[in-house]
Amino acid sequence: MTLAFELLVDVLLISTTCYFYKPTLVNDNAEIEDWLKRLTTTHKRWVFGLCFDFFRNTEGFKWNHKRVYRIYRELELNLRIKPRSRIKRDKPDALAVPAEINQVWSMDFMSDSLKDGRSIRTFNVIDDCNRESLAMDIGISLPAQRVIRSLQRIIEWWGKPLALRCDNVPEFINHELIDWAIKEQITLLYIQPGKPTQNAYIERFNRTAWH
């Protein structure tokens, strides 16, 4: 040791070990960076917690949690997984109002039960233009043949519509009703399954009739 070193130690009260200490953090940081880059490239869905658990439990590294996370943020790896964007769902178009009567009729069923427990159904038909009720056919059973007879009776009274809007219940997708509509040159407008708002006029009528 030189005289200058001894004077420096005596004046500044620095220990010999402290004076000759060479930090190894720089090399360790480079190794941490390398490991983080390789892990996040190989496992693109791994977040910081999985990377740190891999260092400790699999590789046996004793690196400090805060230190590794600081380097993780400096590499901007915390920004690589973008948050999920909300799915933009198109708002359904408003139900069009026919300009004249007998352009589109809407039809639907309602169900209820009697005091003796038997079930009854009503077959409702309205004109979409003026929301006028054209018929409410009531019965224990209303198969497709009964629906056709009801529609024929309504047509005798009110004239023939250009189209009938309905849902996808078995009576409305029955081949007998479809064949009848083709013969009468009436278009069947089926709504999408689970989309009662596409048949909003008759649904609104049903709520009014129910109460």
C-alpha atoms as a PDB file:
ATOM      1  CA  MET A   1       0.000   0.000   0.000  1.00  0.00           C
ATOM      2  CA  THR A   2       1.220   3.470  -0.828  1.00  0.00           C
ATOM      3  CA  LEU A   3       1.412   6.372   1.577  1.00  0.00           C
ATOM      4  CA  ALA A   4      -1.337   8.173  -0.350  1.00  0.00           C
ATOM      5  CA  PHE A   5      -3.684   5.225   0.103  1.00  0.00           C
ATOM      6  CA  GLU A   6      -2.974   5.063   3.849  1.00  0.00           C
ATOM      7  CA  LEU A   7      -3.669   8.795   4.219  1.00  0.00           C
ATOM      8  CA  LEU A   8      -6.913   8.413   2.212  1.00  0.00           C
ATOM      9  CA  VAL A   9      -8.090   5.573   4.427  1.00  0.00           C
ATOM     10  CA  ASP A  10      -7.201   7.445   7.621  1.00  0.00           C
ATOM     11  CA  VAL A  11      -8.835  10.719   6.539  1.00  0.00           C
ATOM     12  CA  LEU A  12     -12.034   9.327   5.002  1.00  0.00           C
ATOM     13  CA  LEU A  13     -12.279   6.391   7.420  1.00  0.00           C
ATOM     14  CA  ILE A  14     -12.790   3.938   4.510  1.00  0.00           C
ATOM     15  CA  SER A  15     -12.104   0.265   5.146  1.00  0.00           C
ATOM     16  CA  THR A  16      -9.757  -1.657   2.891  1.00  0.00           C
ATOM     17  CA  THR A  17     -12.559  -4.064   1.868  1.00  0.00           C
ATOM     18  CA  CYS A  18     -14.832  -1.200   0.910  1.00  0.00           C
ATOM     19  CA  TYR A  19     -12.086   0.529  -1.068  1.00  0.00           C
ATOM     20  CA  PHE A  20     -11.285  -2.521  -3.167  1.00  0.00           C
ATOM     21  CA  TYR A  21     -14.937  -3.611  -3.601  1.00  0.00           C
ATOM     22  CA  LYS A  22     -15.987  -3.985  -7.210  1.00  0.00           C
ATOM     23  CA  PRO A  23     -19.765  -4.188  -7.755  1.00  0.00           C
ATOM     24  CA  THR A  24     -20.980  -7.110  -9.811  1.00  0.00           C
ATOM     25  CA  LEU A  25     -24.508  -5.740 -10.351  1.00  0.00           C
ATOM     26  CA  VAL A  26     -23.747  -4.614 -13.875  1.00  0.00           C
ATOM     27  CA  ASN A  27     -22.936  -8.132 -15.024  1.00  0.00           C
ATOM     28  CA  ASP A  28     -25.882  -9.567 -13.107  1.00  0.00           C
ATOM     29  CA  ASN A  29     -28.235  -7.006 -14.650  1.00  0.00           C
ATOM     30  CA  ALA A  30     -27.102  -7.990 -18.114  1.00  0.00           C
ATOM     31  CA  GLU A  31     -27.746 -11.639 -17.274  1.00  0.00           C
ATOM     32  CA  ILE A  32     -31.204 -10.809 -15.909  1.00  0.00           C
ATOM     33  CA  GLU A  33     -32.016  -8.847 -19.060  1.00  0.00           C
ATOM     34  CA  ASP A  34     -30.909 -11.754 -21.226  1.00  0.00           C
ATOM     35  CA  TRP A  35     -32.999 -14.240 -19.275  1.00  0.00           C
ATOM     36  CA  LEU A  36     -36.072 -12.003 -19.348  1.00  0.00           C
ATOM     37  CA  LYS A  37     -35.821 -11.429 -23.094  1.00  0.00           C
ATOM     38  CA  ARG A  38     -35.421 -15.130 -23.830  1.00  0.00           C
ATOM     39  CA  LEU A  39     -38.256 -16.174 -21.526  1.00  0.00           C
ATOM     40  CA  THR A  40     -40.746 -13.612 -22.835  1.00  0.00           C
ATOM     41  CA  THR A  41     -39.847 -14.461 -26.421  1.00  0.00           C
ATOM     42  CA  THR A  42     -40.309 -18.183 -25.896  1.00  0.00           C
ATOM     43  CA  HIS A  43     -43.363 -17.822 -23.646  1.00  0.00           C
ATOM     44  CA  LYS A  44     -45.216 -14.826 -24.992  1.00  0.00           C
ATOM     45  CA  ARG A  45     -48.013 -15.080 -22.426  1.00  0.00           C
ATOM     46  CA  TRP A  46     -45.708 -15.160 -19.396  1.00  0.00           C
ATOM     47  CA  VAL A  47     -46.033 -12.139 -17.142  1.00  0.00           C
ATOM     48  CA  PHE A  48     -43.536 -11.008 -14.520  1.00  0.00           C
ATOM     49  CA  GLY A  49     -44.767 -13.371 -11.801  1.00  0.00           C
ATOM     50  CA  LEU A  50     -44.237 -16.462 -13.944  1.00  0.00           C
ATOM     51  CA  CYS A  51     -40.790 -15.285 -15.009  1.00  0.00           C
ATOM     52  CA  PHE A  52     -39.681 -14.611 -11.427  1.00  0.00           C
ATOM     53  CA  ASP A  53     -41.039 -17.967 -10.209  1.00  0.00           C
ATOM     54  CA  PHE A  54     -39.066 -19.652 -12.990  1.00  0.00           C
ATOM     55  CA  PHE A  55     -35.864 -17.892 -11.850  1.00  0.00           C
ATOM     56  CA  ARG A  56     -36.345 -18.888  -8.200  1.00  0.00           C
ATOM     57  CA  ASN A  57     -37.935 -22.342  -8.388  1.00  0.00           C
ATOM     58  CA  THR A  58     -36.497 -23.773 -11.608  1.00  0.00           C
ATOM     59  CA  GLU A  59     -33.119 -22.093 -12.123  1.00  0.00           C
ATOM     60  CA  GLY A  60     -32.358 -21.383  -8.466  1.00  0.00           C
ATOM     61  CA  PHE A  61     -31.357 -17.721  -8.945  1.00  0.00           C
ATOM     62  CA  LYS A  62     -31.391 -15.611  -5.787  1.00  0.00           C
ATOM     63  CA  TRP A  63     -32.040 -12.291  -7.499  1.00  0.00           C
ATOM     64  CA  ASN A  64     -34.094  -9.784  -5.521  1.00  0.00           C
ATOM     65  CA  HIS A  65     -37.739  -9.442  -6.537  1.00  0.00           C
ATOM     66  CA  LYS A  66     -37.654  -5.635  -6.779  1.00  0.00           C
ATOM     67  CA  ARG A  67     -34.474  -5.666  -8.791  1.00  0.00           C
ATOM     68  CA  VAL A  68     -35.795  -8.116 -11.355  1.00  0.00           C
ATOM     69  CA  TYR A  69     -39.062  -6.190 -11.631  1.00  0.00           C
ATOM     70  CA  ARG A  70     -37.199  -2.904 -12.160  1.00  0.00           C
ATOM     71  CA  ILE A  71     -35.315  -4.428 -15.093  1.00  0.00           C
ATOM     72  CA  TYR A  72     -38.563  -5.980 -16.334  1.00  0.00           C
ATOM     73  CA  ARG A  73     -40.132  -2.521 -16.480  1.00  0.00           C
ATOM     74  CA  GLU A  74     -37.037  -0.904 -18.020  1.00  0.00           C
ATOM     75  CA  LEU A  75     -37.331  -3.409 -20.882  1.00  0.00           C
ATOM     76  CA  GLU A  76     -41.023  -2.381 -21.144  1.00  0.00           C
ATOM     77  CA  LEU A  77     -42.040  -6.004 -20.971  1.00  0.00           C
ATOM     78  CA  ASN A  78     -44.972  -4.997 -18.795  1.00  0.00           C
ATOM     79  CA  LEU A  79     -46.482  -3.233 -21.838  1.00  0.00           C
ATOM     80  CA  ARG A  80     -46.203  -6.082 -24.333  1.00  0.00           C
ATOM     81  CA  ILE A  81     -49.565  -7.693 -23.499  1.00  0.00           C
ATOM     82  CA  LYS A  82     -52.239  -5.302 -24.663  1.00  0.00           C
ATOM     83  CA  PRO A  83     -55.520  -5.256 -22.777  1.00  0.00           C
ATOM     84  CA  ARG A  84     -58.430  -6.910 -24.495  1.00  0.00           C
ATOM     85  CA  SER A  85     -60.417  -4.495 -26.583  1.00  0.00           C
ATOM     86  CA  ARG A  86     -64.157  -4.462 -26.235  1.00  0.00           C
ATOM     87  CA  ILE A  87     -66.033  -6.212 -28.980  1.00  0.00           C
ATOM     88  CA  LYS A  88     -68.036  -3.704 -30.941  1.00  0.00           C
ATOM     89  CA  ARG A  89     -71.478  -5.071 -31.566  1.00  0.00           C
ATOM     90  CA  ASP A  90     -73.596  -3.453 -34.206  1.00  0.00           C
ATOM     91  CA  LYS A  91     -76.787  -2.000 -32.845  1.00  0.00           C
ATOM     92  CA  PRO A  92     -79.736  -3.643 -34.576  1.00  0.00           C
ATOM     93  CA  ASP A  93     -81.694  -1.434 -36.912  1.00  0.00           C
ATOM     94  CA  ALA A  94     -85.018  -0.167 -35.709  1.00  0.00           C
ATOM     95  CA  LEU A  95     -87.977  -2.246 -36.842  1.00  0.00           C
ATOM     96  CA  ALA A  96     -89.384  -0.680 -39.991  1.00  0.00           C
ATOM     97  CA  VAL A  97     -92.984   0.552 -40.006  1.00  0.00           C
ATOM     98  CA  PRO A  98     -94.899  -0.484 -43.137  1.00  0.00           C
ATOM     99  CA  ALA A  99     -96.377   2.427 -45.055  1.00  0.00           C
ATOM    100  CA  GLU A 100     -99.692   0.659 -45.709  1.00  0.00           C
ATOM    101  CA  ILE A 101    -101.858  -2.004 -44.124  1.00  0.00           C
ATOM    102  CA  ASN A 102    -101.498  -5.611 -45.256  1.00  0.00           C
ATOM    103  CA  GLN A 103     -97.836  -5.179 -46.084  1.00  0.00           C
ATOM    104  CA  VAL A 104     -96.496  -7.087 -43.060  1.00  0.00           C
ATOM    105  CA  TRP A 105     -98.379  -8.975 -40.377  1.00  0.00           C
ATOM    106  CA  SER A 106     -96.725 -10.236 -37.210  1.00  0.00           C
ATOM    107  CA  MET A 107     -97.838 -13.440 -35.514  1.00  0.00           C
ATOM    108  CA  ASP A 108     -96.900 -15.164 -32.279  1.00  0.00           C
ATOM    109  CA  PHE A 109     -98.152 -17.493 -29.545  1.00  0.00           C
ATOM    110  CA  MET A 110     -98.913 -16.872 -25.884  1.00  0.00           C
ATOM    111  CA  SER A 111     -99.396 -19.578 -23.265  1.00  0.00           C
ATOM    112  CA  ASP A 112    -101.341 -19.764 -20.007  1.00  0.00           C
ATOM    113  CA  SER A 113    -102.943 -22.400 -17.787  1.00  0.00           C
ATOM    114  CA  LEU A 114    -106.470 -22.995 -16.517  1.00  0.00           C
ATOM    115  CA  LYS A 115    -107.489 -23.604 -12.912  1.00  0.00           C
ATOM    116  CA  ASP A 116    -107.577 -27.333 -13.546  1.00  0.00           C
ATOM    117  CA  GLY A 117    -103.942 -27.250 -14.679  1.00  0.00           C
ATOM    118  CA  ARG A 118    -104.564 -27.613 -18.402  1.00  0.00           C
ATOM    119  CA  SER A 119    -102.496 -25.394 -20.685  1.00  0.00           C
ATOM    120  CA  ILE A 120    -104.034 -23.094 -23.265  1.00  0.00           C
ATOM    121  CA  ARG A 121    -102.469 -21.102 -26.072  1.00  0.00           C
ATOM    122  CA  THR A 122    -103.465 -18.046 -28.033  1.00  0.00           C
ATOM    123  CA  PHE A 123    -102.465 -17.379 -31.621  1.00  0.00           C
ATOM    124  CA  ASN A 124    -102.122 -13.602 -32.066  1.00  0.00           C
ATOM    125  CA  VAL A 125    -101.869 -11.709 -35.344  1.00  0.00           C
ATOM    126  CA  ILE A 126    -101.485  -7.937 -35.806  1.00  0.00           C
ATOM    127  CA  ASP A 127    -100.898  -5.578 -38.709  1.00  0.00           C
ATOM    128  CA  ASP A 128     -97.502  -3.862 -38.310  1.00  0.00           C
ATOM    129  CA  CYS A 129     -98.746  -0.688 -39.995  1.00  0.00           C
ATOM    130  CA  ASN A 130    -101.365   0.336 -37.445  1.00  0.00           C
ATOM    131  CA  ARG A 131    -100.705  -2.332 -34.737  1.00  0.00           C
ATOM    132  CA  GLU A 132    -104.322  -3.435 -35.047  1.00  0.00           C
ATOM    133  CA  SER A 133    -105.161  -6.867 -33.677  1.00  0.00           C
ATOM    134  CA  LEU A 134    -106.474  -9.034 -36.507  1.00  0.00           C
ATOM    135  CA  ALA A 135    -107.135 -12.185 -34.492  1.00  0.00           C
ATOM    136  CA  MET A 136    -106.657 -13.990 -31.181  1.00  0.00           C
ATOM    137  CA  ASP A 137    -107.317 -17.673 -31.720  1.00  0.00           C
ATOM    138  CA  ILE A 138    -107.543 -19.636 -28.431  1.00  0.00           C
ATOM    139  CA  GLY A 139    -107.228 -23.382 -28.016  1.00  0.00           C
ATOM    140  CA  ILE A 140    -105.709 -26.254 -26.057  1.00  0.00           C
ATOM    141  CA  SER A 141    -103.662 -27.180 -29.113  1.00  0.00           C
ATOM    142  CA  LEU A 142    -102.754 -24.935 -32.040  1.00  0.00           C
ATOM    143  CA  PRO A 143    -100.879 -27.019 -34.615  1.00  0.00           C
ATOM    144  CA  ALA A 144     -99.816 -25.758 -38.011  1.00  0.00           C
ATOM    145  CA  GLN A 145    -103.105 -26.799 -39.604  1.00  0.00           C
ATOM    146  CA  ARG A 146    -105.033 -24.668 -37.086  1.00  0.00           C
ATOM    147  CA  VAL A 147    -102.694 -21.737 -37.757  1.00  0.00           C
ATOM    148  CA  ILE A 148    -103.361 -22.024 -41.497  1.00  0.00           C
ATOM    149  CA  ARG A 149    -107.137 -22.069 -40.947  1.00  0.00           C
ATOM    150  CA  SER A 150    -106.882 -18.988 -38.719  1.00  0.00           C
ATOM    151  CA  LEU A 151    -104.836 -17.135 -41.314  1.00  0.00           C
ATOM    152  CA  GLN A 152    -107.252 -18.062 -44.083  1.00  0.00           C
ATOM    153  CA  ARG A 153    -110.142 -16.722 -42.016  1.00  0.00           C
ATOM    154  CA  ILE A 154    -108.283 -13.470 -41.336  1.00  0.00           C
ATOM    155  CA  ILE A 155    -107.492 -13.080 -45.043  1.00  0.00           C
ATOM    156  CA  GLU A 156    -111.206 -13.433 -45.863  1.00  0.00           C
ATOM    157  CA  TRP A 157    -111.926 -10.556 -43.516  1.00  0.00           C
ATOM    158  CA  TRP A 158    -108.952  -8.229 -44.036  1.00  0.00           C
ATOM    159  CA  GLY A 159    -107.294  -9.200 -47.303  1.00  0.00           C
ATOM    160  CA  LYS A 160    -103.971 -10.945 -47.923  1.00  0.00           C
ATOM    161  CA  PRO A 161    -100.643  -9.631 -46.535  1.00  0.00           C
ATOM    162  CA  LEU A 162     -97.442  -9.486 -48.521  1.00  0.00           C
ATOM    163  CA  ALA A 163     -95.390 -10.949 -45.652  1.00  0.00           C
ATOM    164  CA  LEU A 164     -95.766 -12.616 -42.266  1.00  0.00           C
ATOM    165  CA  ARG A 165     -93.182 -11.987 -39.545  1.00  0.00           C
ATOM    166  CA  CYS A 166     -92.750 -14.777 -36.975  1.00  0.00           C
ATOM    167  CA  ASP A 167     -90.254 -16.611 -34.795  1.00  0.00           C
ATOM    168  CA  ASN A 168     -88.948 -20.153 -35.217  1.00  0.00           C
ATOM    169  CA  VAL A 169     -91.429 -22.214 -33.200  1.00  0.00           C
ATOM    170  CA  PRO A 170     -92.279 -25.638 -34.713  1.00  0.00           C
ATOM    171  CA  GLU A 171     -95.722 -24.516 -35.901  1.00  0.00           C
ATOM    172  CA  PHE A 172     -94.232 -21.701 -37.980  1.00  0.00           C
ATOM    173  CA  ILE A 173     -91.425 -23.718 -39.567  1.00  0.00           C
ATOM    174  CA  ASN A 174     -93.761 -26.604 -40.335  1.00  0.00           C
ATOM    175  CA  HIS A 175     -93.613 -27.628 -44.006  1.00  0.00           C
ATOM    176  CA  GLU A 176     -97.424 -27.374 -44.312  1.00  0.00           C
ATOM    177  CA  LEU A 177     -97.383 -23.693 -43.356  1.00  0.00           C
ATOM    178  CA  ILE A 178     -94.401 -23.040 -45.631  1.00  0.00           C
ATOM    179  CA  ASP A 179     -96.126 -24.760 -48.560  1.00  0.00           C
ATOM    180  CA  TRP A 180     -99.319 -22.791 -47.900  1.00  0.00           C
ATOM    181  CA  ALA A 181     -97.397 -19.482 -47.805  1.00  0.00           C
ATOM    182  CA  ILE A 182     -95.669 -20.318 -51.104  1.00  0.00           C
ATOM    183  CA  LYS A 183     -99.018 -21.181 -52.694  1.00  0.00           C
ATOM    184  CA  GLU A 184    -100.536 -17.910 -51.445  1.00  0.00           C
ATOM    185  CA  GLN A 185     -97.401 -15.945 -52.473  1.00  0.00           C
ATOM    186  CA  ILE A 186     -96.860 -14.711 -48.923  1.00  0.00           C
ATOM    187  CA  THR A 187     -93.282 -14.209 -47.710  1.00  0.00           C
ATOM    188  CA  LEU A 188     -92.395 -15.657 -44.306  1.00  0.00           C
ATOM    189  CA  LEU A 189     -89.990 -13.370 -42.417  1.00  0.00           C
ATOM    190  CA  TYR A 190     -88.299 -15.453 -39.716  1.00  0.00           C
ATOM    191  CA  ILE A 191     -86.526 -13.573 -36.944  1.00  0.00           C
ATOM    192  CA  GLN A 192     -83.158 -14.735 -35.619  1.00  0.00           C
ATOM    193  CA  PRO A 193     -83.337 -17.279 -32.767  1.00  0.00           C
ATOM    194  CA  GLY A 194     -83.159 -15.548 -29.396  1.00  0.00           C
ATOM    195  CA  LYS A 195     -83.897 -12.094 -30.875  1.00  0.00           C
ATOM    196  CA  PRO A 196     -87.492 -11.277 -29.838  1.00  0.00           C
ATOM    197  CA  THR A 197     -86.838  -7.564 -30.453  1.00  0.00           C
ATOM    198  CA  GLN A 198     -86.897  -8.328 -34.165  1.00  0.00           C
ATOM    199  CA  ASN A 199     -90.594  -9.083 -33.689  1.00  0.00           C
ATOM    200  CA  ALA A 200     -91.174  -6.183 -31.325  1.00  0.00           C
ATOM    201  CA  TYR A 201     -94.670  -5.188 -32.486  1.00  0.00           C
ATOM    202  CA  ILE A 202     -96.318  -8.485 -31.621  1.00  0.00           C
ATOM    203  CA  GLU A 203     -94.227  -8.820 -28.432  1.00  0.00           C
ATOM    204  CA  ARG A 204     -95.538  -5.434 -27.294  1.00  0.00           C
ATOM    205  CA  PHE A 205     -99.071  -6.516 -28.145  1.00  0.00           C
ATOM    206  CA  ASN A 206     -98.605  -9.732 -26.157  1.00  0.00           C
ATOM    207  CA  ARG A 207     -97.599  -7.787 -23.045  1.00  0.00           C
ATOM    208  CA  THR A 208    -100.659  -5.564 -23.384  1.00  0.00           C
ATOM    209  CA  ALA A 209    -102.997  -8.526 -23.948  1.00  0.00           C
ATOM    210  CA  TRP A 210    -101.437 -10.427 -21.030  1.00  0.00           C
ATOM    211  CA  HIS A 211    -102.222  -7.635 -18.571  1.00  0.00           C
END
